[in-house]
Amino acid sequence: MERSPHTPVPSSALSGAPCWVSLMTHDLGSARDFYGAVLGWRFRATPLGGEFAVALDEDGSPVAGVGAVAGSLRAGVAWLPYFGVADADATAARIRERGATVAVGPLTMTAGRAALAADPQGATFGFWAGMTMDNWSVGRGAAPATVRLRTRDAFAAAIFYAEVLGWAAGPESRCDVRYEEDHVRVTVDGCTVAELYGGALETPPDPQVRPRWEVHFRVRDLAAAIRAATAAGGSVALPAAPDPANGAAQIVTLRDPDGGLFTLTTA
């Protein structure tokens, strides 16, 4: 039988790759209004209740999640990537064994188990063991163009994530890790799904960097998106500039009215 375009598949099939991105915010209605105005998203409800919604692009394909949970989880407003894993409890144990933090969960939800964690350098991320959409993949279709870690020490971060998520862990892993001149690139079937940036790999960690994961969304018209964001109550956090990873693209980092940072790219 042919699968529908949004057929759920187990997150274990993703072998440590990003399987979703989601915004933790305080006000779902305000977030829907803002991102609808800036990115043209529509929203639908989810089985998780009235505090959650799924953003859809103009073709109706899932892009990201939005949840009014920052206050209840005592967490800051932030866009976070979630990485697919086979066993949430085992992943949580590996994170703690390496001196990092599991801040929330793993929690049992409708279609799986989720948790929030912080890596040893302080960057927050999520992981998910359960069912996901088989057509959602970073770098392709409606999904974000990339998720990018800004951190003090990219080499140390790559070791941590490789160990807890199983990157390049033998033939069963689909994630390939490549150490390039100034960053670490994670690919699945030749497509970049995550990037880790610090200083040059041979330099000492930069104490001025505040580690965080960035979520990059594609837009056709960067200037129009910036105008829409400022008109809707957002602001420019980092002005438009050539993407250091892709000189043919422009990127800009914006802040939504609730304080959430996100990046737009023309790539």
Protein backbone atom coordinates (compact mmCIF):
# COMPACT_ATOMS: atom_id res chain seq x y z
CA MET A 1 0.00 0.00 0.00
CA GLU A 2 1.30 3.45 -0.92
CA ARG A 3 1.90 5.71 2.07
CA SER A 4 0.29 9.13 2.33
CA PRO A 5 2.68 12.12 2.28
CA HIS A 6 2.35 12.54 6.05
CA THR A 7 2.52 8.90 7.14
CA PRO A 8 3.99 8.62 10.66
CA VAL A 9 7.17 6.59 11.04
CA PRO A 10 9.15 5.69 14.19
CA SER A 11 11.69 8.31 15.25
CA SER A 12 14.22 5.50 15.66
CA ALA A 13 14.42 5.38 11.86
CA LEU A 14 16.01 8.84 11.98
CA SER A 15 19.00 7.65 14.02
CA GLY A 16 19.78 10.91 15.78
CA ALA A 17 18.74 13.32 13.03
CA PRO A 18 16.48 16.30 13.75
CA CYS A 19 12.89 15.08 13.56
CA TRP A 20 11.03 18.31 14.42
CA VAL A 21 11.46 21.91 15.55
CA SER A 22 9.19 23.69 17.97
CA LEU A 23 8.77 27.09 19.57
CA MET A 24 8.31 27.28 23.32
CA THR A 25 6.40 30.50 23.93
CA HIS A 26 4.08 32.11 26.47
CA ASP A 27 1.10 33.01 24.26
CA LEU A 28 0.01 30.71 21.46
CA GLY A 29 -2.40 33.24 19.94
CA SER A 30 0.23 35.96 19.69
CA ALA A 31 2.75 33.55 18.20
CA ARG A 32 0.25 32.42 15.58
CA ASP A 33 -0.49 36.03 14.62
CA PHE A 34 3.19 36.97 14.39
CA TYR A 35 4.50 33.98 12.44
CA GLY A 36 1.44 33.97 10.22
CA ALA A 37 2.17 37.59 9.27
CA VAL A 38 5.92 37.07 8.76
CA LEU A 39 6.08 33.62 7.17
CA GLY A 40 2.56 33.10 5.87
CA TRP A 41 1.96 30.08 8.07
CA ARG A 42 -1.46 28.65 8.85
CA PHE A 43 -2.02 26.58 11.97
CA ARG A 44 -3.94 23.50 12.98
CA ALA A 45 -4.70 22.02 16.39
CA THR A 46 -2.95 18.90 17.69
CA PRO A 47 -4.05 16.02 19.94
CA LEU A 48 -1.86 17.55 22.67
CA GLY A 49 -4.52 20.14 23.53
CA GLY A 50 -5.22 23.83 23.19
CA GLU A 51 -1.72 24.96 24.14
CA PHE A 52 -0.16 23.40 21.03
CA ALA A 53 -0.46 23.95 17.29
CA VAL A 54 1.31 22.82 14.12
CA ALA A 55 2.42 25.45 11.61
CA LEU A 56 1.65 24.68 7.96
CA ASP A 57 3.16 26.25 4.86
CA GLU A 58 1.11 27.58 1.93
CA ASP A 59 0.80 24.02 0.55
CA GLY A 60 -0.48 22.65 3.86
CA SER A 61 2.73 20.79 4.71
CA PRO A 62 3.88 20.71 8.36
CA VAL A 63 6.73 23.11 9.13
CA ALA A 64 7.08 23.33 12.91
CA GLY A 65 5.31 23.15 16.24
CA VAL A 66 4.32 25.97 18.57
CA GLY A 67 3.52 25.41 22.23
CA ALA A 68 2.47 27.85 24.96
CA VAL A 69 4.54 25.98 27.52
CA ALA A 70 7.50 28.22 28.37
CA GLY A 71 5.90 29.41 31.59
CA SER A 72 4.72 26.00 32.80
CA LEU A 73 8.15 24.47 32.11
CA ARG A 74 9.95 27.46 33.68
CA ALA A 75 11.90 27.78 30.46
CA GLY A 76 12.83 30.72 28.27
CA VAL A 77 11.07 31.43 25.01
CA ALA A 78 13.07 29.62 22.34
CA TRP A 79 13.03 27.71 19.07
CA LEU A 80 14.42 24.21 19.66
CA PRO A 81 15.34 21.25 17.46
CA TYR A 82 14.19 17.79 18.54
CA PHE A 83 16.32 14.79 17.64
CA GLY A 84 14.82 11.39 16.95
CA VAL A 85 15.93 8.55 19.23
CA ALA A 86 14.90 4.95 19.75
CA ASP A 87 14.77 5.05 23.57
CA ALA A 88 14.16 8.29 25.47
CA ASP A 89 15.25 6.89 28.83
CA ALA A 90 18.51 5.52 27.46
CA THR A 91 19.23 8.86 25.76
CA ALA A 92 18.51 10.73 29.00
CA ALA A 93 20.90 8.45 30.86
CA ARG A 94 23.68 9.04 28.31
CA ILE A 95 23.18 12.81 28.61
CA ARG A 96 23.46 12.72 32.41
CA GLU A 97 26.48 10.41 32.29
CA ARG A 98 28.33 13.09 30.31
CA GLY A 99 27.67 15.86 32.82
CA ALA A 100 24.83 17.50 30.89
CA THR A 101 21.27 18.19 32.07
CA VAL A 102 17.89 16.67 31.34
CA ALA A 103 15.66 19.56 32.35
CA VAL A 104 12.22 18.13 31.57
CA GLY A 105 11.08 14.54 31.07
CA PRO A 106 11.11 12.20 29.39
CA LEU A 107 7.34 12.81 29.35
CA THR A 108 4.83 10.40 27.84
CA MET A 109 2.69 12.10 25.18
CA THR A 110 0.11 10.98 22.64
CA ALA A 111 2.48 9.52 20.05
CA GLY A 112 5.72 9.06 21.98
CA ARG A 113 8.02 10.40 24.69
CA ALA A 114 9.74 13.79 24.74
CA ALA A 115 12.37 15.52 26.85
CA LEU A 116 14.28 18.79 27.01
CA ALA A 117 17.98 18.86 27.78
CA ALA A 118 20.96 21.18 27.85
CA ASP A 119 24.37 20.15 26.54
CA PRO A 120 27.54 20.65 28.64
CA GLN A 121 28.03 24.13 27.16
CA GLY A 122 24.45 25.19 27.94
CA ALA A 123 22.65 24.93 24.59
CA THR A 124 19.08 23.63 24.94
CA PHE A 125 17.62 20.94 22.69
CA GLY A 126 14.94 18.27 22.73
CA PHE A 127 14.75 14.60 21.88
CA TRP A 128 11.81 12.46 20.89
CA ALA A 129 11.07 8.73 20.83
CA GLY A 130 7.85 8.08 18.96
CA MET A 131 6.11 8.61 15.65
CA THR A 132 7.14 11.38 13.25
CA MET A 133 6.21 12.53 9.75
CA ASP A 134 8.24 10.62 7.18
CA ASN A 135 8.33 13.53 4.71
CA TRP A 136 9.69 16.09 7.21
CA SER A 137 13.46 16.44 6.97
CA VAL A 138 15.70 19.43 7.65
CA GLY A 139 16.99 20.88 4.40
CA ARG A 140 14.10 19.58 2.33
CA GLY A 141 10.55 20.59 1.53
CA ALA A 142 8.64 22.60 4.14
CA ALA A 143 11.09 21.83 6.94
CA PRO A 144 13.67 24.42 8.08
CA ALA A 145 16.69 24.98 5.84
CA THR A 146 19.02 23.96 8.67
CA VAL A 147 19.48 23.83 12.42
CA ARG A 148 22.76 25.35 13.51
CA LEU A 149 24.49 25.17 16.89
CA ARG A 150 26.44 28.28 17.92
CA THR A 151 28.75 27.13 20.65
CA ARG A 152 32.11 27.80 22.29
CA ASP A 153 33.77 24.55 21.24
CA ALA A 154 32.35 22.84 18.16
CA PHE A 155 34.67 19.85 18.46
CA ALA A 156 33.62 19.10 22.07
CA ALA A 157 29.97 19.60 21.15
CA ALA A 158 30.26 17.21 18.22
CA ILE A 159 31.67 14.51 20.49
CA PHE A 160 28.84 15.01 23.00
CA TYR A 161 26.02 14.85 20.44
CA ALA A 162 27.63 11.97 18.57
CA GLU A 163 27.79 9.96 21.79
CA VAL A 164 24.27 10.70 23.05
CA LEU A 165 22.49 10.60 19.67
CA GLY A 166 24.52 7.89 17.96
CA TRP A 167 25.91 9.95 15.10
CA ALA A 168 28.22 7.88 12.90
CA ALA A 169 27.80 4.94 15.28
CA GLY A 170 28.28 2.10 12.86
CA PRO A 171 26.21 0.82 9.94
CA GLU A 172 22.89 1.34 11.75
CA SER A 173 23.39 5.12 11.86
CA ARG A 174 22.23 7.26 8.94
CA CYS A 175 24.02 10.36 10.26
CA ASP A 176 27.46 11.09 8.86
CA VAL A 177 29.67 13.62 10.70
CA ARG A 178 32.25 15.68 8.83
CA TYR A 179 34.79 18.01 10.43
CA GLU A 180 35.32 20.95 8.11
CA GLU A 181 37.55 24.01 8.41
CA ASP A 182 35.47 26.01 10.87
CA HIS A 183 32.50 23.81 11.72
CA VAL A 184 31.05 20.33 11.97
CA ARG A 185 28.47 19.18 9.43
CA VAL A 186 25.98 16.36 9.99
CA THR A 187 24.41 14.83 6.90
CA VAL A 188 21.79 12.18 6.13
CA ASP A 189 21.86 10.68 2.64
CA GLY A 190 24.04 13.58 1.50
CA CYS A 191 21.71 16.31 2.82
CA THR A 192 22.89 18.60 5.63
CA VAL A 193 20.59 18.23 8.66
CA ALA A 194 22.65 20.02 11.35
CA GLU A 195 25.72 22.24 11.65
CA LEU A 196 27.88 23.02 14.67
CA TYR A 197 29.84 26.27 14.72
CA GLY A 198 32.39 27.53 17.21
CA GLY A 199 35.78 29.01 16.56
CA ALA A 200 38.18 27.20 14.27
CA LEU A 201 38.48 23.63 15.45
CA GLU A 202 42.09 24.09 16.55
CA THR A 203 41.48 27.28 18.58
CA PRO A 204 40.56 27.53 22.29
CA PRO A 205 36.84 27.87 23.18
CA ASP A 206 35.45 31.41 22.97
CA PRO A 207 34.07 32.41 26.41
CA GLN A 208 31.98 35.21 24.86
CA VAL A 209 29.71 32.86 22.93
CA ARG A 210 26.34 32.06 24.50
CA PRO A 211 25.62 28.57 23.14
CA ARG A 212 22.25 28.01 21.50
CA TRP A 213 20.64 26.16 18.64
CA GLU A 214 19.43 28.31 15.74
CA VAL A 215 16.52 27.32 13.50
CA HIS A 216 16.77 28.72 9.94
CA PHE A 217 13.59 29.13 7.87
CA ARG A 218 13.62 29.85 4.13
CA VAL A 219 11.95 32.94 2.67
CA ARG A 220 11.73 34.22 -0.90
CA ASP A 221 12.01 37.90 0.01
CA LEU A 222 14.18 38.67 3.04
CA ALA A 223 13.50 42.40 3.05
CA ALA A 224 9.74 41.86 2.96
CA ALA A 225 9.94 39.38 5.84
CA ILE A 226 11.96 41.84 7.93
CA ARG A 227 9.38 44.56 7.28
CA ALA A 228 6.55 42.22 8.22
CA ALA A 229 8.33 41.16 11.42
CA THR A 230 8.96 44.70 12.63
CA ALA A 231 5.40 45.73 11.72
CA ALA A 232 4.07 42.80 13.78
CA GLY A 233 6.06 43.77 16.87
CA GLY A 234 9.29 41.87 16.28
CA SER A 235 12.80 43.25 15.95
CA VAL A 236 16.10 42.60 14.21
CA ALA A 237 18.61 40.86 16.49
CA LEU A 238 21.38 40.47 13.90
CA PRO A 239 21.14 42.44 10.63
CA ALA A 240 21.01 40.83 7.22
CA ALA A 241 24.39 39.60 5.99
CA PRO A 242 25.88 36.92 3.74
CA ASP A 243 25.65 33.46 5.26
CA PRO A 244 29.20 32.41 6.24
CA ALA A 245 28.31 28.85 5.29
CA ASN A 246 26.79 29.80 1.93
CA GLY A 247 27.95 33.08 0.45
CA ALA A 248 25.16 33.01 -2.13
CA ALA A 249 22.54 33.29 0.63
CA GLN A 250 21.59 36.12 2.97
CA ILE A 251 20.52 35.50 6.56
CA VAL A 252 19.00 37.66 9.28
CA THR A 253 18.24 36.81 12.92
CA LEU A 254 14.96 38.20 14.24
CA ARG A 255 13.34 38.34 17.66
CA ASP A 256 9.61 37.73 17.95
CA PRO A 257 7.48 39.86 20.32
CA ASP A 258 7.85 37.25 23.08
CA GLY A 259 11.65 37.19 22.80
CA GLY A 260 12.13 34.06 20.68
CA LEU A 261 15.09 34.21 18.27
CA PHE A 262 14.85 32.70 14.80
CA THR A 263 16.83 33.04 11.57
CA LEU A 264 15.59 33.61 8.04
CA THR A 265 17.61 32.60 5.00
CA THR A 266 17.33 32.95 1.25
CA ALA A 267 19.15 29.64 0.70
